[in-house]
Amino acid sequence: MRSAGSFVPSKGWFVACARTFVVVVLAAAAFGCATVRPEQRAILADPVMQFPADERDERARAQVLEYREGARGGSAIRGGGCGCN
């Protein structure tokens, strides 16, 4: 005999929860996508739309960029690389 405080879910309960989870995930995947027209991309790429990065993220990004480019430093000065700042 089970006590009043113990709940043992049946197999049907697990199946219903699994179906609900699958439906929620599929709905999120289907409705989470949006098509952006080319003229809207310029607005979304505006620096104002970027989240402020914290210092650790910036250091990690700089390290990855240095590794990828094979150069260190020079991230504070902007220029074309041809001497025509």
Foldseek 3Di string as FASTA:
>chain_A
DDDPPDDDDDPVVVVVVVVVVVVVVVVCVVVVDDDDDPVVVVVCPPPVNDDDDDPVVVVVVQVVVCVVVVHHDPPVDDDDPPPPD
